[in-house]
Amino acid sequence: MLDNNTTKAIIKQHLPRFLSRPQIGMAQCMGPSTVAKFSNGLIIEDALRKIDAALKVVLR
């Protein structure tokens, strides 16, 4: 998802600091739900729902 500018913008909108994290390289091949499991609670369920909804609109 981070290779696509549109999906990357959606993630940046809902998780603004996510893309600047040093661990971003490890997250390249993971979906938001998987990354959230490793975030120690920094990525909350509400943000995941918003990202999911936005991705569904864009990826139709």
Protein backbone atom coordinates (compact mmCIF):
# COMPACT_ATOMS: atom_id res chain seq x y z
CA MET A 1 0.00 0.00 0.00
CA LEU A 2 2.90 2.35 0.57
CA ASP A 3 4.01 2.01 -3.06
CA ASN A 4 0.76 3.58 -4.25
CA ASN A 5 0.51 7.37 -3.81
CA THR A 6 -3.26 7.30 -3.32
CA THR A 7 -3.28 4.66 -0.61
CA LYS A 8 -0.20 6.20 0.98
CA ALA A 9 -2.04 9.54 1.20
CA ILE A 10 -4.96 7.84 2.95
CA ILE A 11 -2.64 6.33 5.52
CA LYS A 12 -0.88 9.66 6.01
CA GLN A 13 -4.24 11.39 6.53
CA HIS A 14 -5.29 9.05 9.33
CA LEU A 15 -1.87 8.22 10.79
CA PRO A 16 0.24 11.32 10.08
CA ARG A 17 3.36 10.22 11.98
CA PHE A 18 3.29 6.63 10.74
CA LEU A 19 5.25 7.25 7.54
CA SER A 20 8.12 8.94 9.38
CA ARG A 21 8.70 6.04 11.80
CA PRO A 22 12.08 4.30 11.47
CA GLN A 23 10.34 0.90 11.32
CA ILE A 24 8.40 1.83 8.18
CA GLY A 25 10.55 -0.51 6.09
CA MET A 26 9.29 -3.51 8.01
CA ALA A 27 5.68 -2.40 7.47
CA GLN A 28 5.97 -2.15 3.68
CA CYS A 29 4.51 -5.61 3.08
CA MET A 30 1.91 -5.56 5.87
CA GLY A 31 -1.64 -4.34 5.93
CA PRO A 32 -2.79 -1.75 8.50
CA SER A 33 -4.36 -4.38 10.80
CA THR A 34 -1.12 -6.33 10.98
CA VAL A 35 0.95 -3.21 11.60
CA ALA A 36 -1.46 -2.20 14.38
CA LYS A 37 -0.66 -5.42 16.26
CA PHE A 38 2.97 -4.32 16.52
CA SER A 39 2.22 -0.67 17.35
CA ASN A 40 1.86 -1.03 21.14
CA GLY A 41 -1.54 0.62 20.96
CA LEU A 42 -0.45 3.62 18.89
CA ILE A 43 -2.68 2.62 15.98
CA ILE A 44 -6.20 2.51 17.32
CA GLU A 45 -9.22 0.66 15.97
CA ASP A 46 -10.98 3.90 14.99
CA ALA A 47 -8.10 4.87 12.69
CA LEU A 48 -8.14 1.40 11.13
CA ARG A 49 -11.88 1.66 10.42
CA LYS A 50 -11.41 5.06 8.77
CA ILE A 51 -8.51 3.80 6.66
CA ASP A 52 -10.49 0.73 5.64
CA ALA A 53 -13.50 2.82 4.62
CA ALA A 54 -11.37 5.24 2.59
CA LEU A 55 -9.52 2.39 0.86
CA LYS A 56 -12.79 0.72 -0.10
CA VAL A 57 -13.91 3.92 -1.83
CA VAL A 58 -10.62 4.41 -3.67
CA LEU A 59 -10.03 0.79 -4.66
CA ARG A 60 -13.46 0.13 -6.16
